[in-house]
Amino acid sequence: MLETCQTCGQVLNKLYYFVNMLQMVLKMWQYGVLLHAGLFIFSERINCVSEEHEIRAASKFHSRAYLALESNPSDHPRASTIFLSKSQTDVREKRKSNHINHVSPGQLTKKYSSCSTIFIDDSTVSQPNLRSTIKCVTLAIFYHIKNRDSDRSLDIFDEKSHPLTREEVPDDYYKHDPDHKHIYRFVRTLFSAAQLTAECAIVTLVYLERLLTYAEIDICPSNWKRIVLGAILLASKVWDDQAVWNVDYCQILKDITVEDMNEMERHFLELLQFNINVPASVYAKYYFDLRSLADDNNLSFLLEPLSKERAQKLEAISRLCEDKYKDLSKAAMRRSFSADNLVGIRRSNAILS
């Protein structure tokens, strides 16, 4: 009996010890689970914080990119063109000088319309006058060179490294700014030989300002010819239906090689980040800013009295545009407003003397 009790006591002691060990194992397992869960939650919080920082950084980057795009006149229609702002300094100085010196404007050469006669030029935003447009574009390039901020350039556009003629480039070629007539003759020669349009001249100016903004360079005496040539080359291929080949420019500029033209075109596209799109709103902005530049610098467009044939042509064009606008309005009009279009638009006939 005594031996049986001792055996039972030993069994109970072992059972109690086993239970204690089991409890310790369970507690350690619980602590391990909690620790793992805590580490998981902590890591998730770190990931959330890092993702939040990445989202904020990305939003800041996109906002900066949008602001940069919005401030670039060659991409955004609301941004002011660079050439017009650079020309305002000279325009203000001219007006101030004339006011101080009491210089009279002289005989008025601009024609003004009256009740019997309407003066109008032959330049429109869809069909600009070629000669006047080239004059305005070259004047814009002249102000870019004259009022440049610095002389930042790239070797691919340096005329000393890549000459356009066999004549030796003088050592002080980078010191002398070209005048407006010199730039005009260079551009007019290219446009006349390649038979380019006035719209191509405006797109050339858009690409030129886009290059200066994207590449962060300046157009100066050492690079202006090659930059203008590259912009004309690209604009003629993008805009005109019958593009001029690079070898055709080699026939105009006798001493330049096709390999040099190809290399310059490739670098030009890379610096533009292959952004050759010109929205209609940007094109129209550049056209009207060029007209403002012409008015500020007394570059008058040729004005002629409005004839009966020209008035009928303008009226036909305006009616065509009006009909297109009405068709677009009908397509976008909601069903509840369909009754608004029941009454047609009354057109009054133009009085032609």
Protein backbone atom coordinates (compact mmCIF):
# COMPACT_ATOMS: atom_id res chain seq x y z
CA MET A 1 0.00 0.00 0.00
CA LEU A 2 2.82 2.37 0.91
CA GLU A 3 4.69 1.52 -2.28
CA THR A 4 1.57 2.20 -4.35
CA CYS A 5 1.16 5.67 -2.82
CA GLN A 6 4.80 6.51 -3.51
CA THR A 7 4.40 5.45 -7.14
CA CYS A 8 1.26 7.59 -7.53
CA GLY A 9 3.08 10.58 -6.04
CA GLN A 10 5.92 10.20 -8.50
CA VAL A 11 3.47 10.00 -11.39
CA LEU A 12 1.66 13.14 -10.19
CA ASN A 13 4.96 15.01 -9.82
CA LYS A 14 5.94 14.07 -13.37
CA LEU A 15 2.49 15.03 -14.63
CA TYR A 16 2.68 18.38 -12.85
CA TYR A 17 6.14 18.98 -14.32
CA PHE A 18 4.87 18.07 -17.79
CA VAL A 19 1.91 20.46 -17.43
CA ASN A 20 4.25 23.28 -16.37
CA MET A 21 6.50 22.63 -19.34
CA LEU A 22 3.48 22.59 -21.65
CA GLN A 23 2.29 25.94 -20.27
CA MET A 24 5.73 27.42 -20.78
CA VAL A 25 5.77 26.16 -24.39
CA LEU A 26 2.31 27.61 -24.99
CA LYS A 27 3.35 30.98 -23.55
CA MET A 28 6.51 31.00 -25.65
CA TRP A 29 4.44 30.16 -28.74
CA GLN A 30 1.99 32.97 -27.93
CA TYR A 31 4.86 35.38 -27.43
CA GLY A 32 6.34 34.26 -30.75
CA VAL A 33 3.03 34.77 -32.55
CA LEU A 34 2.61 38.18 -30.98
CA LEU A 35 6.17 39.09 -31.84
CA HIS A 36 5.69 37.96 -35.42
CA ALA A 37 2.42 39.86 -35.65
CA GLY A 38 4.06 42.94 -34.20
CA LEU A 39 6.91 42.75 -36.65
CA PHE A 40 4.43 42.27 -39.50
CA ILE A 41 2.37 45.29 -38.43
CA PHE A 42 5.53 47.35 -38.00
CA SER A 43 6.77 46.39 -41.44
CA GLU A 44 3.38 47.18 -42.96
CA ARG A 45 3.43 50.61 -41.35
CA ILE A 46 6.92 51.22 -42.71
CA ASN A 47 5.72 50.17 -46.18
CA CYS A 48 2.71 52.48 -45.92
CA VAL A 49 4.89 55.38 -44.86
CA SER A 50 7.37 54.72 -47.67
CA GLU A 51 4.54 54.41 -50.20
CA GLU A 52 3.06 57.67 -48.92
CA HIS A 53 6.44 59.38 -49.35
CA GLU A 54 6.75 57.92 -52.85
CA ILE A 55 3.27 59.15 -53.76
CA ARG A 56 4.06 62.61 -52.41
CA ALA A 57 7.38 62.68 -54.26
CA ALA A 58 5.69 61.52 -57.47
CA SER A 59 2.94 64.12 -57.11
CA LYS A 60 5.53 66.82 -56.53
CA PHE A 61 7.46 65.63 -59.58
CA HIS A 62 4.35 65.60 -61.76
CA SER A 63 3.29 69.01 -60.48
CA ARG A 64 6.74 70.40 -61.25
CA ALA A 65 6.62 68.78 -64.69
CA TYR A 66 3.15 70.25 -65.31
CA LEU A 67 4.28 73.69 -64.19
CA ALA A 68 7.33 73.41 -66.44
CA LEU A 69 5.09 72.38 -69.31
CA GLU A 70 2.64 75.17 -68.56
CA SER A 71 5.43 77.77 -68.51
CA ASN A 72 6.87 76.56 -71.82
CA PRO A 73 5.40 78.70 -74.63
CA SER A 74 6.11 76.12 -77.32
CA ASP A 75 3.89 73.58 -75.52
CA HIS A 76 1.24 75.59 -73.69
CA PRO A 77 -0.97 78.23 -75.37
CA ARG A 78 -1.28 80.43 -72.26
CA ALA A 79 2.47 80.94 -71.79
CA SER A 80 3.89 84.07 -73.39
CA THR A 81 6.28 83.58 -76.29
CA ILE A 82 9.95 84.13 -75.49
CA PHE A 83 10.71 86.28 -78.53
CA LEU A 84 7.95 88.75 -77.73
CA SER A 85 9.16 89.25 -74.17
CA LYS A 86 12.75 89.70 -75.37
CA SER A 87 11.66 92.31 -77.91
CA GLN A 88 9.74 94.40 -75.37
CA THR A 89 12.96 95.77 -73.88
CA ASP A 90 13.99 97.34 -77.19
CA VAL A 91 10.47 98.53 -77.93
CA ARG A 92 10.24 100.35 -74.59
CA GLU A 93 13.67 101.92 -75.11
CA LYS A 94 12.67 103.16 -78.57
CA ARG A 95 9.46 104.70 -77.26
CA LYS A 96 11.29 106.27 -74.33
CA SER A 97 13.98 107.69 -76.62
CA ASN A 98 11.41 109.13 -79.01
CA HIS A 99 9.54 110.70 -76.11
CA ILE A 100 12.67 112.27 -74.60
CA ASN A 101 13.97 113.56 -77.93
CA HIS A 102 10.49 114.70 -79.02
CA VAL A 103 10.76 112.73 -82.23
CA SER A 104 7.57 112.96 -84.23
CA PRO A 105 6.32 109.81 -85.90
CA GLY A 106 6.39 111.64 -89.23
CA GLN A 107 3.93 111.04 -91.98
CA LEU A 108 1.46 108.30 -91.20
CA THR A 109 2.01 105.40 -93.58
CA LYS A 110 -0.56 103.04 -92.08
CA LYS A 111 -3.89 103.00 -93.86
CA TYR A 112 -7.07 103.10 -91.82
CA SER A 113 -10.50 101.85 -92.85
CA SER A 114 -13.42 104.22 -93.36
CA CYS A 115 -17.13 103.92 -93.98
CA SER A 116 -16.60 103.55 -97.72
CA THR A 117 -13.33 101.62 -97.86
CA ILE A 118 -11.99 98.72 -95.83
CA PHE A 119 -8.26 98.01 -95.93
CA ILE A 120 -7.19 94.43 -95.32
CA ASP A 121 -4.00 92.46 -95.81
CA ASP A 122 -3.70 89.07 -97.45
CA SER A 123 -2.35 87.29 -94.35
CA THR A 124 -4.54 85.04 -92.22
CA VAL A 125 -3.76 82.49 -89.54
CA SER A 126 -4.52 79.64 -91.96
CA GLN A 127 -2.75 81.24 -94.95
CA PRO A 128 -0.07 83.69 -93.77
CA ASN A 129 1.79 85.89 -96.19
CA LEU A 130 5.14 84.23 -96.89
CA ARG A 131 7.34 87.30 -97.20
CA SER A 132 5.89 89.07 -94.17
CA THR A 133 6.00 85.91 -92.05
CA ILE A 134 9.67 85.27 -92.84
CA LYS A 135 10.46 88.89 -91.94
CA CYS A 136 8.71 88.52 -88.59
CA VAL A 137 10.27 85.13 -87.80
CA THR A 138 13.79 86.37 -88.59
CA LEU A 139 13.15 89.47 -86.48
CA ALA A 140 12.16 87.19 -83.59
CA ILE A 141 15.42 85.25 -84.07
CA PHE A 142 17.31 88.55 -84.12
CA TYR A 143 15.87 89.53 -80.72
CA HIS A 144 16.70 86.07 -79.37
CA ILE A 145 20.35 86.59 -80.30
CA LYS A 146 20.57 90.22 -79.27
CA ASN A 147 18.92 89.86 -75.85
CA ARG A 148 20.24 86.41 -74.93
CA ASP A 149 20.99 85.65 -71.29
CA SER A 150 24.35 83.95 -71.89
CA ASP A 151 26.27 81.98 -74.54
CA ARG A 152 25.35 78.41 -73.62
CA SER A 153 25.75 76.15 -76.63
CA LEU A 154 26.41 72.60 -77.82
CA ASP A 155 29.18 71.38 -80.07
CA ILE A 156 26.77 69.95 -82.66
CA PHE A 157 25.50 73.48 -83.40
CA ASP A 158 28.88 75.25 -83.27
CA GLU A 159 29.74 76.62 -86.70
CA LYS A 160 33.45 76.45 -85.94
CA SER A 161 33.26 72.69 -85.33
CA HIS A 162 30.71 72.05 -88.10
CA PRO A 163 31.10 74.78 -90.76
CA LEU A 164 28.40 75.29 -93.37
CA THR A 165 30.83 76.61 -95.99
CA ARG A 166 34.41 75.95 -97.00
CA GLU A 167 35.36 79.47 -96.07
CA GLU A 168 37.41 79.65 -92.92
CA VAL A 169 35.41 80.80 -89.92
CA PRO A 170 37.13 83.82 -88.29
CA ASP A 171 38.43 83.48 -84.76
CA ASP A 172 36.13 86.21 -83.46
CA TYR A 173 33.03 84.75 -85.10
CA TYR A 174 31.29 84.43 -81.74
CA LYS A 175 31.62 88.13 -80.90
CA HIS A 176 29.59 89.75 -83.68
CA ASP A 177 25.80 89.54 -83.56
CA PRO A 178 24.14 89.20 -86.98
CA ASP A 179 21.73 91.93 -88.00
CA HIS A 180 18.15 91.35 -89.08
CA LYS A 181 18.92 91.59 -92.80
CA HIS A 182 21.62 88.93 -92.55
CA ILE A 183 19.29 86.47 -90.81
CA TYR A 184 16.49 87.29 -93.28
CA ARG A 185 18.68 86.59 -96.31
CA PHE A 186 19.80 83.24 -94.88
CA VAL A 187 16.25 82.05 -94.11
CA ARG A 188 14.74 83.47 -97.32
CA THR A 189 17.36 81.60 -99.40
CA LEU A 190 16.40 78.29 -97.78
CA PHE A 191 12.66 78.89 -98.10
CA SER A 192 12.89 80.02 -101.72
CA ALA A 193 15.11 77.14 -102.82
CA ALA A 194 13.11 74.49 -100.95
CA GLN A 195 9.74 76.13 -101.80
CA LEU A 196 8.55 76.05 -98.21
CA THR A 197 5.33 77.65 -96.94
CA ALA A 198 4.72 80.43 -94.44
CA GLU A 199 3.20 77.98 -91.97
CA CYS A 200 6.52 76.13 -91.97
CA ALA A 201 8.26 79.36 -90.89
CA ILE A 202 5.99 79.66 -87.84
CA VAL A 203 6.56 76.01 -86.89
CA THR A 204 10.30 76.64 -87.30
CA LEU A 205 10.11 79.33 -84.63
CA VAL A 206 8.12 77.00 -82.34
CA TYR A 207 10.78 74.29 -82.64
CA LEU A 208 13.55 76.82 -82.10
CA GLU A 209 12.10 78.08 -78.81
CA ARG A 210 11.31 74.51 -77.74
CA LEU A 211 14.95 73.56 -78.34
CA LEU A 212 16.24 76.52 -76.33
CA THR A 213 13.93 75.62 -73.45
CA TYR A 214 14.44 71.85 -73.42
CA ALA A 215 18.21 71.85 -74.01
CA GLU A 216 18.79 74.96 -71.83
CA ILE A 217 21.00 76.65 -74.42
CA ASP A 218 21.10 80.10 -76.03
CA ILE A 219 21.06 81.04 -79.68
CA CYS A 220 24.15 83.16 -80.28
CA PRO A 221 26.49 84.19 -83.15
CA SER A 222 28.35 80.88 -83.03
CA ASN A 223 25.34 78.57 -83.44
CA TRP A 224 22.39 80.49 -84.89
CA LYS A 225 22.76 79.24 -88.47
CA ARG A 226 22.85 75.57 -87.57
CA ILE A 227 20.02 75.89 -85.04
CA VAL A 228 17.83 77.67 -87.60
CA LEU A 229 18.78 75.14 -90.27
CA GLY A 230 17.89 72.23 -87.99
CA ALA A 231 14.54 73.80 -87.07
CA ILE A 232 13.70 74.45 -90.74
CA LEU A 233 14.73 70.91 -91.68
CA LEU A 234 12.48 69.39 -89.03
CA ALA A 235 9.54 71.75 -89.64
CA SER A 236 9.57 71.07 -93.38
CA LYS A 237 9.37 67.32 -92.77
CA VAL A 238 6.62 67.56 -90.16
CA TRP A 239 4.46 70.27 -91.74
CA ASP A 240 4.75 70.02 -95.52
CA ASP A 241 3.17 67.11 -97.38
CA GLN A 242 6.09 66.97 -99.82
CA ALA A 243 9.02 67.12 -97.45
CA VAL A 244 12.45 68.21 -98.54
CA TRP A 245 15.10 65.52 -98.20
CA ASN A 246 18.38 66.18 -96.42
CA VAL A 247 20.25 65.75 -99.69
CA ASP A 248 18.20 68.62 -101.15
CA TYR A 249 19.56 70.97 -98.48
CA CYS A 250 23.04 69.81 -99.42
CA GLN A 251 22.35 71.11 -102.92
CA ILE A 252 21.29 74.48 -101.48
CA LEU A 253 24.25 74.68 -99.09
CA LYS A 254 26.91 73.26 -101.38
CA ASP A 255 29.59 72.55 -98.79
CA ILE A 256 27.57 70.63 -96.20
CA THR A 257 27.44 66.82 -96.22
CA VAL A 258 24.47 64.52 -95.84
CA GLU A 259 26.10 62.82 -92.86
CA ASP A 260 26.38 66.16 -91.07
CA MET A 261 22.72 66.94 -91.79
CA ASN A 262 21.63 63.52 -90.51
CA GLU A 263 23.67 63.87 -87.33
CA MET A 264 22.31 67.36 -86.64
CA GLU A 265 18.74 66.20 -87.24
CA ARG A 266 19.19 63.25 -84.87
CA HIS A 267 20.61 65.46 -82.11
CA PHE A 268 17.84 68.02 -82.67
CA LEU A 269 15.16 65.37 -82.21
CA GLU A 270 16.84 63.95 -79.12
CA LEU A 271 17.09 67.41 -77.54
CA LEU A 272 13.40 67.98 -78.30
CA GLN A 273 12.70 64.63 -76.60
CA PHE A 274 11.01 63.70 -79.90
CA ASN A 275 8.21 66.15 -79.10
CA ILE A 276 7.37 67.50 -82.55
CA ASN A 277 3.68 68.11 -81.86
CA VAL A 278 2.47 71.67 -82.41
CA PRO A 279 -1.13 72.20 -81.18
CA ALA A 280 -3.35 74.53 -83.17
CA SER A 281 -3.67 76.86 -80.17
CA VAL A 282 0.12 77.18 -79.89
CA TYR A 283 0.43 77.81 -83.62
CA ALA A 284 -2.24 80.53 -83.49
CA LYS A 285 -0.55 82.16 -80.48
CA TYR A 286 2.77 82.37 -82.32
CA TYR A 287 1.06 83.80 -85.41
CA PHE A 288 -0.65 86.62 -83.53
CA ASP A 289 2.45 87.34 -81.43
CA LEU A 290 4.43 87.68 -84.66
CA ARG A 291 1.87 90.20 -85.87
CA SER A 292 2.24 92.11 -82.61
CA LEU A 293 6.01 92.04 -83.11
CA ALA A 294 5.53 93.46 -86.60
CA ASP A 295 3.35 96.30 -85.28
CA ASP A 296 5.87 97.16 -82.56
CA ASN A 297 8.72 97.34 -85.08
CA ASN A 298 6.86 99.08 -87.93
CA LEU A 299 6.90 96.01 -90.17
CA SER A 300 3.65 96.78 -91.91
CA PHE A 301 1.74 94.15 -93.85
CA LEU A 302 0.67 95.14 -97.34
CA LEU A 303 -2.84 96.60 -97.05
CA GLU A 304 -5.21 96.69 -100.00
CA PRO A 305 -8.82 97.90 -100.33
CA LEU A 306 -11.34 95.13 -99.80
CA SER A 307 -12.75 94.18 -103.19
CA LYS A 308 -16.10 92.59 -103.92
CA GLU A 309 -14.52 89.27 -104.88
CA ARG A 310 -12.39 89.19 -101.72
CA ALA A 311 -15.40 90.01 -99.54
CA GLN A 312 -17.42 87.18 -101.08
CA LYS A 313 -14.52 84.80 -100.54
CA LEU A 314 -14.18 85.82 -96.89
CA GLU A 315 -17.92 85.46 -96.37
CA ALA A 316 -17.87 81.96 -97.88
CA ILE A 317 -14.99 80.94 -95.62
CA SER A 318 -16.71 82.35 -92.53
CA ARG A 319 -19.98 80.56 -93.37
CA LEU A 320 -18.10 77.29 -93.84
CA CYS A 321 -16.47 77.66 -90.43
CA GLU A 322 -19.80 78.64 -88.90
CA ASP A 323 -21.50 75.54 -90.34
CA LYS A 324 -18.74 73.32 -88.96
CA TYR A 325 -19.15 74.92 -85.54
CA LYS A 326 -22.93 74.39 -85.67
CA ASP A 327 -22.45 70.71 -86.52
CA LEU A 328 -20.11 70.26 -83.58
CA SER A 329 -22.55 72.10 -81.31
CA LYS A 330 -25.42 69.86 -82.41
CA ALA A 331 -23.39 66.74 -81.70
CA ALA A 332 -22.51 67.96 -78.22
CA MET A 333 -25.95 69.41 -77.43
CA ARG A 334 -28.04 67.68 -74.77
CA ARG A 335 -31.50 66.39 -75.60
CA SER A 336 -33.26 68.89 -73.33
CA PHE A 337 -31.77 71.78 -75.29
CA SER A 338 -32.76 70.48 -78.73
CA ALA A 339 -35.53 73.07 -79.04
CA ASP A 340 -33.04 75.91 -78.87
CA ASN A 341 -31.86 75.14 -82.36
CA LEU A 342 -35.27 75.44 -84.01
CA VAL A 343 -34.73 79.08 -84.91
CA GLY A 344 -32.07 79.48 -87.58
CA ILE A 345 -29.45 82.20 -87.60
CA ARG A 346 -30.37 85.14 -89.78
CA ARG A 347 -27.55 86.36 -91.95
CA SER A 348 -27.45 89.93 -93.20
CA ASN A 349 -25.95 90.56 -96.60
CA ALA A 350 -22.72 92.54 -96.69
CA ILE A 351 -22.92 96.02 -98.19
CA LEU A 352 -20.27 96.26 -100.87
CA SER A 353 -19.54 99.57 -102.53
